[in-house]
C-alpha atoms as a PDB file:
ATOM      1  CA  UNK A   1      -9.186 -10.972 -11.416  1.00  0.00           C
ATOM      2  CA  UNK A   2     -10.317  -9.315  -8.167  1.00  0.00           C
ATOM      3  CA  UNK A   3      -7.251 -10.045  -6.353  1.00  0.00           C
ATOM      4  CA  UNK A   4      -4.833  -8.973  -8.940  1.00  0.00           C
ATOM      5  CA  UNK A   5      -6.819  -5.199  -8.904  1.00  0.00           C
ATOM      6  CA  UNK A   6      -5.830  -5.543  -5.033  1.00  0.00           C
ATOM      7  CA  UNK A   7      -2.626  -5.981  -5.244  1.00  0.00           C
ATOM      8  CA  UNK A   8      -1.763  -3.234  -7.459  1.00  0.00           C
ATOM      9  CA  UNK A   9      -4.339  -0.764  -6.186  1.00  0.00           C
ATOM     10  CA  UNK A  10      -1.788  -1.983  -3.262  1.00  0.00           C
ATOM     11  CA  UNK A  11       1.534  -1.146  -5.096  1.00  0.00           C
ATOM     12  CA  UNK A  12      -0.003   2.466  -6.178  1.00  0.00           C
ATOM     13  CA  UNK A  13      -0.968   3.055  -2.735  1.00  0.00           C
ATOM     14  CA  UNK A  14       2.843   2.368  -2.108  1.00  0.00           C
ATOM     15  CA  UNK A  15       3.811   4.976  -4.870  1.00  0.00           C
ATOM     16  CA  UNK A  16       1.228   7.668  -3.978  1.00  0.00           C
ATOM     17  CA  UNK A  17       2.240   7.514   0.002  1.00  0.00           C
ATOM     18  CA  UNK A  18       6.051   7.673  -0.572  1.00  0.00           C
ATOM     19  CA  UNK A  19       5.299   9.910  -3.855  1.00  0.00           C
ATOM     20  CA  UNK A  20       4.192  12.448  -0.965  1.00  0.00           C
ATOM     21  CA  UNK A  21       6.913  13.411   0.797  1.00  0.00           C
ATOM     22  CA  UNK A  22       8.262  14.375  -2.302  1.00  0.00           C
ATOM     23  CA  UNK A  23       5.581  16.759  -3.549  1.00  0.00           C
ATOM     24  CA  UNK A  24       6.772  19.167  -0.391  1.00  0.00           C
ATOM     25  CA  UNK A  25       2.802  20.046   0.434  1.00  0.00           C
ATOM     26  CA  UNK A  26       1.914  19.531  -3.156  1.00  0.00           C
ATOM     27  CA  UNK A  27       4.052  22.565  -4.285  1.00  0.00           C
ATOM     28  CA  UNK A  28       5.919  20.144  -6.848  1.00  0.00           C
ATOM     29  CA  UNK A  29       4.929  19.886 -10.052  1.00  0.00           C
ATOM     30  CA  UNK A  30       5.741  16.456 -11.553  1.00  0.00           C
ATOM     31  CA  UNK A  31       5.889  15.077  -7.784  1.00  0.00           C
ATOM     32  CA  UNK A  32       2.379  16.414  -7.436  1.00  0.00           C
ATOM     33  CA  UNK A  33       0.908  15.299 -10.800  1.00  0.00           C
ATOM     34  CA  UNK A  34       2.487  10.972 -10.451  1.00  0.00           C
ATOM     35  CA  UNK A  35       0.945  11.013  -6.621  1.00  0.00           C
ATOM     36  CA  UNK A  36      -2.222  12.193  -7.654  1.00  0.00           C
ATOM     37  CA  UNK A  37      -2.217  10.226 -10.599  1.00  0.00           C
ATOM     38  CA  UNK A  38      -0.924   6.952  -8.607  1.00  0.00           C
ATOM     39  CA  UNK A  39      -3.849   8.029  -6.183  1.00  0.00           C
ATOM     40  CA  UNK A  40      -6.432   7.307  -8.958  1.00  0.00           C
ATOM     41  CA  UNK A  41      -4.896   4.214  -9.731  1.00  0.00           C
ATOM     42  CA  UNK A  42      -5.185   2.798  -6.771  1.00  0.00           C
ATOM     43  CA  UNK A  43      -8.338   3.622  -5.639  1.00  0.00           C
ATOM     44  CA  UNK A  44      -9.875   2.629  -8.961  1.00  0.00           C
ATOM     45  CA  UNK A  45      -7.915  -0.243  -8.658  1.00  0.00           C
ATOM     46  CA  UNK A  46      -9.979  -0.836  -5.105  1.00  0.00           C
ATOM     47  CA  UNK A  47     -12.520   0.107  -6.413  1.00  0.00           C
ATOM     48  CA  UNK A  48     -13.041  -2.973  -8.948  1.00  0.00           C
ATOM     49  CA  UNK A  49     -11.456  -5.518  -6.545  1.00  0.00           C
ATOM     50  CA  UNK A  50     -14.662  -4.459  -4.152  1.00  0.00           C
ATOM     51  CA  UNK A  51     -16.566  -5.771  -6.543  1.00  0.00           C
ATOM     52  CA  UNK A  52     -16.388  -8.821  -5.800  1.00  0.00           C
ATOM     53  CA  UNK A  53     -13.758  -9.339  -2.139  1.00  0.00           C
ATOM     54  CA  UNK A  54     -15.119  -8.302   1.110  1.00  0.00           C
ATOM     55  CA  UNK A  55     -14.356  -5.205   2.140  1.00  0.00           C
ATOM     56  CA  UNK A  56     -12.969  -5.495   5.203  1.00  0.00           C
ATOM     57  CA  UNK A  57     -10.922  -8.411   3.605  1.00  0.00           C
ATOM     58  CA  UNK A  58     -10.221  -5.744   0.497  1.00  0.00           C
ATOM     59  CA  UNK A  59      -9.354  -2.414   2.713  1.00  0.00           C
ATOM     60  CA  UNK A  60      -7.168  -4.289   5.186  1.00  0.00           C
ATOM     61  CA  UNK A  61      -5.256  -6.191   2.733  1.00  0.00           C
ATOM     62  CA  UNK A  62      -5.047  -2.762   0.808  1.00  0.00           C
ATOM     63  CA  UNK A  63      -3.783  -0.991   3.630  1.00  0.00           C
ATOM     64  CA  UNK A  64      -1.508  -3.977   4.423  1.00  0.00           C
ATOM     65  CA  UNK A  65       0.580  -3.115   1.430  1.00  0.00           C
ATOM     66  CA  UNK A  66       0.747  -0.131   1.172  1.00  0.00           C
ATOM     67  CA  UNK A  67       1.784   0.486   4.810  1.00  0.00           C
ATOM     68  CA  UNK A  68       4.284  -2.956   4.972  1.00  0.00           C
ATOM     69  CA  UNK A  69       6.102  -1.863   1.344  1.00  0.00           C
ATOM     70  CA  UNK A  70       6.472   2.342   2.131  1.00  0.00           C
ATOM     71  CA  UNK A  71       8.392   0.946   5.508  1.00  0.00           C
ATOM     72  CA  UNK A  72      10.158  -1.069   3.123  1.00  0.00           C
ATOM     73  CA  UNK A  73      11.115   1.550   1.360  1.00  0.00           C
ATOM     74  CA  UNK A  74      11.965   3.562   4.477  1.00  0.00           C
ATOM     75  CA  UNK A  75      14.199   0.930   5.251  1.00  0.00           C
ATOM     76  CA  UNK A  76      16.215   0.111   2.135  1.00  0.00           C
ATOM     77  CA  UNK A  77      16.480   3.995   0.612  1.00  0.00           C
ATOM     78  CA  UNK A  78      15.642   6.534   3.475  1.00  0.00           C
ATOM     79  CA  UNK A  79      18.519   4.745   6.164  1.00  0.00           C
ATOM     80  CA  UNK A  80      15.006   4.125   9.080  1.00  0.00           C
ATOM     81  CA  UNK A  81      15.409   2.153  11.269  1.00  0.00           C
ATOM     82  CA  UNK A  82      16.051  -1.330  11.199  1.00  0.00           C
ATOM     83  CA  UNK A  83      15.487  -2.832  14.110  1.00  0.00           C
ATOM     84  CA  UNK A  84      14.244  -6.602  15.694  1.00  0.00           C
ATOM     85  CA  UNK A  85      10.819  -4.996  17.354  1.00  0.00           C
ATOM     86  CA  UNK A  86       9.702  -2.737  13.922  1.00  0.00           C
ATOM     87  CA  UNK A  87      11.006  -6.285  11.628  1.00  0.00           C
ATOM     88  CA  UNK A  88       8.613  -8.658  13.774  1.00  0.00           C
ATOM     89  CA  UNK A  89       5.740  -5.660  13.933  1.00  0.00           C
ATOM     90  CA  UNK A  90       6.487  -5.581   9.805  1.00  0.00           C
ATOM     91  CA  UNK A  91       5.665  -9.535  10.020  1.00  0.00           C
ATOM     92  CA  UNK A  92       3.073  -9.509  11.598  1.00  0.00           C
ATOM     93  CA  UNK A  93       1.194  -7.052   9.080  1.00  0.00           C
ATOM     94  CA  UNK A  94       2.793  -9.426   6.501  1.00  0.00           C
ATOM     95  CA  UNK A  95       0.887 -12.759   8.499  1.00  0.00           C
ATOM     96  CA  UNK A  96      -1.928 -10.780   8.725  1.00  0.00           C
ATOM     97  CA  UNK A  97      -2.504 -10.126   4.991  1.00  0.00           C
ATOM     98  CA  UNK A  98      -1.643 -13.714   4.709  1.00  0.00           C
ATOM     99  CA  UNK A  99      -3.715 -14.642   6.934  1.00  0.00           C
ATOM    100  CA  UNK A 100      -7.153 -12.413   5.667  1.00  0.00           C
ATOM    101  CA  UNK A 101      -6.089 -13.780   1.945  1.00  0.00           C
ATOM    102  CA  UNK A 102      -6.335 -18.063   3.404  1.00  0.00           C
ATOM    103  CA  UNK A 103     -10.015 -16.910   5.397  1.00  0.00           C
ATOM    104  CA  UNK A 104     -11.761 -15.039   2.593  1.00  0.00           C
ATOM    105  CA  UNK A 105     -14.732 -16.286   0.879  1.00  0.00           C
END
């Protein structure tokens, strides 16, 4: 169940990271409420996952899921660069996430 919590935490990290763009410095009510709610869910799920997953592994995977998800969001919906070098770097993050999962105890 810890890995499920970690994946959920990573998904909600994506939500709050993207949400920050739309809060306009926390001056817009509903984007701010959504962002803060996603933060709370993300941190709570991360705390549950870290009960049994090592902190280094859990934190790295949590941030990796968020980083890859937000980068993909930027490419697909915001027209950010999808250069081969950028995609290769994102691929390295994914490889690191998979590797950490495979070698974690």
